Amino acid sequence: MRKIILVAGATGNLGERIVRALIDKGAEVRIVVRSGSKIEKINKLEKLGVKVYKLHHWNVEELTQACLEVSCVVSSLAGLREVIIDAQTVLLDAAIAAGVPRFIPSDYSLDFTKFAFGENRNLDLRREFHEYLDKTPIAATTIFNGAFADMLTGQMPVILFKQKLVLYWGNADDRWDFTTMDDTAAYTANAAIDISTPRYLRIAGDQISPRQIREVVNKVTKNKFRLIRAGGQGLLGLIIKIARKIAPGEKELYPAWQGMQYMHNMIDKRSKIDTPDNSRYPEIHWTSVKDLLTAYQESISFASTS
């Protein structure tokens, strides 16, 4: 019998990847979208064969109907308090009301259980949601994947391609945990179908230091990148405090200081995944940083010649 999995946040970048991975696994997929969601994204998902529940109101009553006969609810919702706490709580309550046995919350980050409140605004919201989640009767599984490796070619100021620099904070030989969005989605799809998952699963597609990143990018680009240390954890913490006062951005999902908070956590030894749960689903081929950068370099080369 095919498992029925409901995905919330399916119109987002990670959510769509999770939907595709679930379909590849042979699951029956449902998604819930608000009535104001972009029709282009909804049509794209419908063409994949998913069943779309268009909600007039994001409330327990409507969501409960979508959750009937579902074996696992997967949340990939992204936002601040009104999403991670408020909307996700309504989704959880609906799943419980419908008798759904399992729930995967929208965490997908470094292991914030090892940090205290106040160290990362966005992760504090997830921790607060856990306080409610862990009091409910539903079986929950959180997936920690470190940082999304995809950000190394864009948003994360580590590899500065134009300047030929690898910029880092902390120790050049401390390894950071990275997992691509596709690999995270594939793992999440497996976990959604797996009825025996524990409360926490920790994965890392690659564990690599800044020094090793420089070696990889040198080989891939056939250029010589310099390794530059921006400072230590203490200095970065001070800059975060100053940046938050100068440009608060409290209503923004990723103000500049929020990205710094993630980096501050990444270079902290508490975030290190000592024993990844990668082998739980041996069919997944994990994408290394070298794989990612090679594909990125090839795409740039193709674009420049076409």
Protein backbone atom coordinates (compact mmCIF):
# COMPACT_ATOMS: atom_id res chain seq x y z
CA MET A 1 0.00 0.00 0.00
CA ARG A 2 1.41 3.39 -1.00
CA LYS A 3 2.22 5.76 1.84
CA ILE A 4 0.33 9.06 1.75
CA ILE A 5 2.59 11.96 2.69
CA LEU A 6 1.39 15.53 3.11
CA VAL A 7 3.90 18.33 2.49
CA ALA A 8 3.41 21.88 3.75
CA GLY A 9 5.58 24.53 2.13
CA ALA A 10 5.78 22.61 -1.15
CA THR A 11 5.95 25.78 -3.25
CA GLY A 12 9.27 26.67 -1.63
CA ASN A 13 12.71 25.68 -2.84
CA LEU A 14 13.28 22.83 -0.40
CA GLY A 15 9.60 21.86 -0.31
CA GLU A 16 9.42 21.23 -4.05
CA ARG A 17 12.56 19.09 -3.86
CA ILE A 18 11.01 17.03 -1.06
CA VAL A 19 7.87 16.52 -3.15
CA ARG A 20 9.94 15.31 -6.12
CA ALA A 21 11.95 12.98 -3.89
CA LEU A 22 8.79 11.50 -2.40
CA ILE A 23 7.36 10.86 -5.87
CA ASP A 24 10.62 9.15 -6.84
CA LYS A 25 10.12 6.91 -3.79
CA GLY A 26 6.65 5.97 -5.01
CA ALA A 27 4.72 7.83 -2.32
CA GLU A 28 1.32 9.41 -2.84
CA VAL A 29 1.87 13.10 -2.17
CA ARG A 30 -0.56 15.74 -1.00
CA ILE A 31 0.28 19.39 -0.60
CA VAL A 32 -1.54 22.23 1.14
CA VAL A 33 -1.39 25.74 -0.30
CA ARG A 34 -3.03 28.99 0.62
CA SER A 35 -5.58 30.37 -1.82
CA GLY A 36 -3.21 33.24 -2.65
CA SER A 37 -0.29 31.00 -3.69
CA LYS A 38 1.16 31.56 -7.15
CA ILE A 39 -0.79 29.55 -9.70
CA GLU A 40 2.34 28.83 -11.74
CA LYS A 41 3.94 26.97 -8.83
CA ILE A 42 0.72 25.09 -8.07
CA ASN A 43 0.33 24.01 -11.70
CA LYS A 44 3.95 22.85 -11.76
CA LEU A 45 3.37 20.65 -8.72
CA GLU A 46 0.07 19.31 -10.07
CA LYS A 47 1.87 18.16 -13.22
CA LEU A 48 4.08 16.02 -10.98
CA GLY A 49 0.97 14.12 -9.90
CA VAL A 50 0.42 15.54 -6.43
CA LYS A 51 -3.00 16.23 -4.95
CA VAL A 52 -3.37 19.90 -4.11
CA TYR A 53 -5.53 21.12 -1.23
CA LYS A 54 -6.23 24.83 -1.69
CA LEU A 55 -7.11 26.34 1.66
CA HIS A 56 -9.41 29.29 2.10
CA HIS A 57 -8.19 29.64 5.68
CA TRP A 58 -5.16 28.17 7.38
CA ASN A 59 -7.08 26.62 10.26
CA VAL A 60 -7.35 23.27 11.98
CA GLU A 61 -10.66 22.41 10.32
CA GLU A 62 -9.46 22.74 6.72
CA LEU A 63 -6.04 21.26 7.38
CA THR A 64 -7.57 18.28 9.18
CA GLN A 65 -9.46 17.32 6.02
CA ALA A 66 -6.21 17.40 4.05
CA CYS A 67 -4.50 15.23 6.69
CA LEU A 68 -7.04 12.38 6.71
CA GLU A 69 -5.42 8.98 5.98
CA VAL A 70 -1.95 10.60 5.83
CA SER A 71 0.92 8.57 7.32
CA CYS A 72 3.31 11.49 7.81
CA VAL A 73 3.13 15.28 7.61
CA VAL A 74 6.32 16.95 6.39
CA SER A 75 6.69 20.65 7.07
CA SER A 76 9.07 22.75 5.00
CA LEU A 77 7.49 26.05 5.98
CA ALA A 78 9.85 29.03 6.09
CA GLY A 79 9.33 32.29 7.90
CA LEU A 80 9.37 33.98 11.27
CA ARG A 81 7.07 33.58 14.30
CA GLU A 82 3.79 33.77 12.38
CA VAL A 83 4.96 30.82 10.26
CA ILE A 84 7.32 28.66 12.34
CA ILE A 85 5.31 28.99 15.56
CA ASP A 86 1.77 30.01 14.62
CA ALA A 87 1.13 28.36 11.23
CA GLN A 88 3.17 25.25 12.02
CA THR A 89 1.32 24.78 15.33
CA VAL A 90 -2.02 24.84 13.48
CA LEU A 91 -0.62 22.28 11.01
CA LEU A 92 0.54 20.07 13.88
CA ASP A 93 -2.82 20.30 15.68
CA ALA A 94 -4.59 19.35 12.45
CA ALA A 95 -2.30 16.36 11.95
CA ILE A 96 -3.08 15.16 15.48
CA ALA A 97 -6.82 15.74 14.99
CA ALA A 98 -6.71 13.64 11.80
CA GLY A 99 -4.84 10.82 13.52
CA VAL A 100 -1.60 11.24 11.57
CA PRO A 101 1.03 9.13 13.38
CA ARG A 102 4.18 11.06 12.39
CA PHE A 103 5.35 14.66 11.90
CA ILE A 104 8.60 16.09 10.49
CA PRO A 105 8.97 19.76 11.50
CA SER A 106 10.65 22.41 9.40
CA ASP A 107 14.07 22.42 11.06
CA TYR A 108 16.69 21.49 8.39
CA SER A 109 19.61 23.29 10.00
CA LEU A 110 22.52 22.73 12.34
CA ASP A 111 21.78 21.02 15.64
CA PHE A 112 20.23 23.85 17.63
CA THR A 113 19.48 21.60 20.61
CA LYS A 114 23.07 22.21 21.72
CA PHE A 115 22.67 25.99 21.80
CA ALA A 116 20.91 28.34 24.20
CA PHE A 117 18.12 30.80 23.49
CA GLY A 118 19.47 34.08 22.16
CA GLU A 119 22.29 32.67 20.03
CA ASN A 120 20.29 32.49 16.79
CA ARG A 121 16.95 34.25 16.27
CA ASN A 122 15.61 31.92 13.56
CA LEU A 123 16.68 28.77 15.37
CA ASP A 124 15.18 30.05 18.63
CA LEU A 125 11.77 29.95 16.91
CA ARG A 126 12.27 26.30 16.00
CA ARG A 127 13.39 25.48 19.52
CA GLU A 128 10.28 27.21 20.88
CA PHE A 129 8.09 25.17 18.53
CA HIS A 130 9.76 22.00 19.83
CA GLU A 131 8.60 22.87 23.35
CA TYR A 132 5.02 22.54 22.12
CA LEU A 133 5.68 19.64 19.74
CA ASP A 134 7.34 17.46 22.38
CA LYS A 135 4.27 17.70 24.62
CA THR A 136 1.99 16.22 21.95
CA PRO A 137 1.32 12.49 21.34
CA ILE A 138 2.55 12.51 17.74
CA ALA A 139 5.87 10.85 16.83
CA ALA A 140 8.18 13.59 15.58
CA THR A 141 11.50 13.41 13.75
CA THR A 142 13.79 16.39 13.24
CA ILE A 143 16.42 16.32 10.51
CA PHE A 144 19.60 18.30 11.12
CA ASN A 145 21.72 18.77 7.99
CA GLY A 146 24.28 21.40 8.96
CA ALA A 147 24.37 24.21 6.40
CA PHE A 148 22.99 23.93 2.88
CA ALA A 149 26.05 23.38 0.67
CA ASP A 150 24.25 25.16 -2.18
CA MET A 151 24.88 28.46 -0.39
CA LEU A 152 28.62 28.16 -1.01
CA THR A 153 28.03 29.30 -4.60
CA GLY A 154 25.83 32.20 -3.61
CA GLN A 155 24.58 33.63 -0.33
CA MET A 156 27.31 32.39 2.00
CA PRO A 157 30.34 34.73 1.97
CA VAL A 158 32.97 32.01 2.11
CA ILE A 159 34.09 31.47 -1.50
CA LEU A 160 34.52 34.86 -3.15
CA PHE A 161 35.00 33.84 -6.77
CA LYS A 162 35.70 37.29 -8.25
CA GLN A 163 38.26 38.16 -5.61
CA LYS A 164 39.69 34.60 -5.59
CA LEU A 165 39.39 34.39 -1.82
CA VAL A 166 38.20 31.82 0.69
CA LEU A 167 37.03 33.82 3.71
CA TYR A 168 36.53 32.14 7.08
CA TRP A 169 36.04 32.79 10.78
CA GLY A 170 37.62 30.77 13.55
CA ASN A 171 40.04 27.92 12.81
CA ALA A 172 41.01 27.10 9.21
CA ASP A 173 41.19 23.39 10.02
CA ASP A 174 37.88 22.98 11.83
CA ARG A 175 35.46 21.04 9.65
CA TRP A 176 32.01 22.41 8.86
CA ASP A 177 28.96 20.28 8.08
CA PHE A 178 27.35 20.77 4.67
CA THR A 179 24.50 18.98 2.89
CA THR A 180 22.95 19.95 -0.44
CA MET A 181 19.25 20.74 -0.62
CA ASP A 182 18.69 17.79 -2.98
CA ASP A 183 20.37 15.38 -0.57
CA THR A 184 18.42 16.83 2.37
CA ALA A 185 15.20 16.41 0.40
CA ALA A 186 16.06 12.82 -0.54
CA TYR A 187 16.83 11.97 3.09
CA THR A 188 13.63 13.65 4.27
CA ALA A 189 11.59 11.64 1.76
CA ASN A 190 13.12 8.41 3.05
CA ALA A 191 12.47 9.45 6.65
CA ALA A 192 8.85 10.34 5.86
CA ILE A 193 8.21 6.81 4.58
CA ASP A 194 10.26 5.12 7.32
CA ILE A 195 7.98 4.31 10.28
CA SER A 196 10.84 3.73 12.73
CA THR A 197 12.71 7.04 12.75
CA PRO A 198 14.05 8.40 16.05
CA ARG A 199 13.38 11.90 17.41
CA TYR A 200 16.54 13.31 15.79
CA LEU A 201 18.50 12.43 12.67
CA ARG A 202 21.76 14.17 11.83
CA ILE A 203 23.31 14.17 8.36
CA ALA A 204 26.28 15.74 6.61
CA GLY A 205 26.88 15.32 2.89
CA ASP A 206 30.39 16.63 3.47
CA GLN A 207 32.48 17.66 6.46
CA ILE A 208 35.13 20.02 5.22
CA SER A 209 37.39 22.76 6.62
CA PRO A 210 38.06 26.20 5.11
CA ARG A 211 41.57 25.09 4.20
CA GLN A 212 40.17 22.07 2.40
CA ILE A 213 37.58 24.24 0.65
CA ARG A 214 40.42 26.35 -0.74
CA GLU A 215 42.20 23.23 -2.01
CA VAL A 216 39.02 22.04 -3.72
CA VAL A 217 38.18 25.37 -5.32
CA ASN A 218 41.77 25.71 -6.56
CA LYS A 219 41.55 22.33 -8.31
CA VAL A 220 38.08 22.92 -9.71
CA THR A 221 38.66 26.44 -11.03
CA LYS A 222 42.37 25.94 -11.85
CA ASN A 223 43.01 29.23 -10.09
CA LYS A 224 44.87 30.11 -6.91
CA PHE A 225 42.56 31.31 -4.13
CA ARG A 226 43.91 32.95 -0.99
CA LEU A 227 42.75 31.83 2.46
CA ILE A 228 41.77 34.85 4.58
CA ARG A 229 40.81 34.73 8.27
CA ALA A 230 38.24 37.42 9.10
CA GLY A 231 38.56 36.91 12.86
CA GLY A 232 37.56 34.68 15.73
CA GLN A 233 34.23 33.72 17.26
CA GLY A 234 34.41 36.54 19.81
CA LEU A 235 34.90 39.25 17.18
CA LEU A 236 32.09 37.84 15.05
CA GLY A 237 29.79 37.88 18.08
CA LEU A 238 30.60 41.56 18.69
CA ILE A 239 29.94 42.43 15.03
CA ILE A 240 26.57 40.67 15.24
CA LYS A 241 25.55 42.81 18.22
CA ILE A 242 26.60 46.01 16.45
CA ALA A 243 24.93 45.03 13.16
CA ARG A 244 21.68 44.20 14.93
CA LYS A 245 21.60 47.65 16.52
CA ILE A 246 22.51 49.54 13.36
CA ALA A 247 20.21 47.59 11.01
CA PRO A 248 17.68 45.68 13.13
CA GLY A 249 15.66 44.01 10.34
CA GLU A 250 13.65 42.10 12.94
CA LYS A 251 10.81 41.54 10.47
CA GLU A 252 13.16 40.22 7.79
CA LEU A 253 13.83 36.47 7.52
CA TYR A 254 17.53 36.88 6.69
CA PRO A 255 18.90 40.28 7.71
CA ALA A 256 22.69 40.53 7.52
CA TRP A 257 23.19 39.79 11.22
CA GLN A 258 21.06 36.63 10.96
CA GLY A 259 23.47 35.17 8.42
CA MET A 260 26.29 36.05 10.79
CA GLN A 261 24.50 34.19 13.59
CA TYR A 262 24.45 31.04 11.46
CA MET A 263 28.17 31.41 10.77
CA HIS A 264 28.81 32.01 14.48
CA ASN A 265 27.04 28.72 15.22
CA MET A 266 28.81 26.85 12.40
CA ILE A 267 32.28 27.64 13.73
CA ASP A 268 31.23 26.61 17.25
CA LYS A 269 32.39 23.09 18.10
CA ARG A 270 28.95 22.34 19.56
CA SER A 271 27.46 22.29 16.06
CA LYS A 272 29.76 19.50 14.82
CA ILE A 273 28.02 16.27 13.83
CA ASP A 274 30.26 13.55 15.27
CA THR A 275 28.41 10.51 13.95
CA PRO A 276 26.16 11.36 10.97
CA ASP A 277 23.16 9.15 10.29
CA ASN A 278 23.96 9.09 6.56
CA SER A 279 24.09 5.30 6.33
CA ARG A 280 20.48 4.88 7.43
CA TYR A 281 19.41 5.14 3.78
CA PRO A 282 22.33 3.65 1.81
CA GLU A 283 20.75 4.36 -1.58
CA ILE A 284 21.49 8.08 -1.23
CA HIS A 285 24.64 9.20 -3.06
CA TRP A 286 25.97 12.09 -1.02
CA THR A 287 27.11 15.20 -2.87
CA SER A 288 30.49 16.50 -1.71
CA VAL A 289 31.56 20.13 -1.84
CA LYS A 290 33.87 19.12 -4.67
CA ASP A 291 30.91 17.65 -6.59
CA LEU A 292 28.92 20.82 -6.00
CA LEU A 293 31.69 23.19 -7.09
CA THR A 294 32.52 21.07 -10.13
CA ALA A 295 28.92 21.24 -11.32
CA TYR A 296 28.84 24.98 -10.62
CA GLN A 297 32.04 25.58 -12.57
CA GLU A 298 30.74 23.53 -15.49
CA SER A 299 27.52 25.55 -15.55
CA ILE A 300 29.50 28.80 -15.65
CA SER A 301 31.71 27.51 -18.45
CA PHE A 302 28.66 26.38 -20.44
CA ALA A 303 26.94 29.74 -19.97
CA SER A 304 30.01 31.66 -21.12
CA THR A 305 30.34 29.63 -24.33
CA SER A 306 26.66 29.53 -25.30
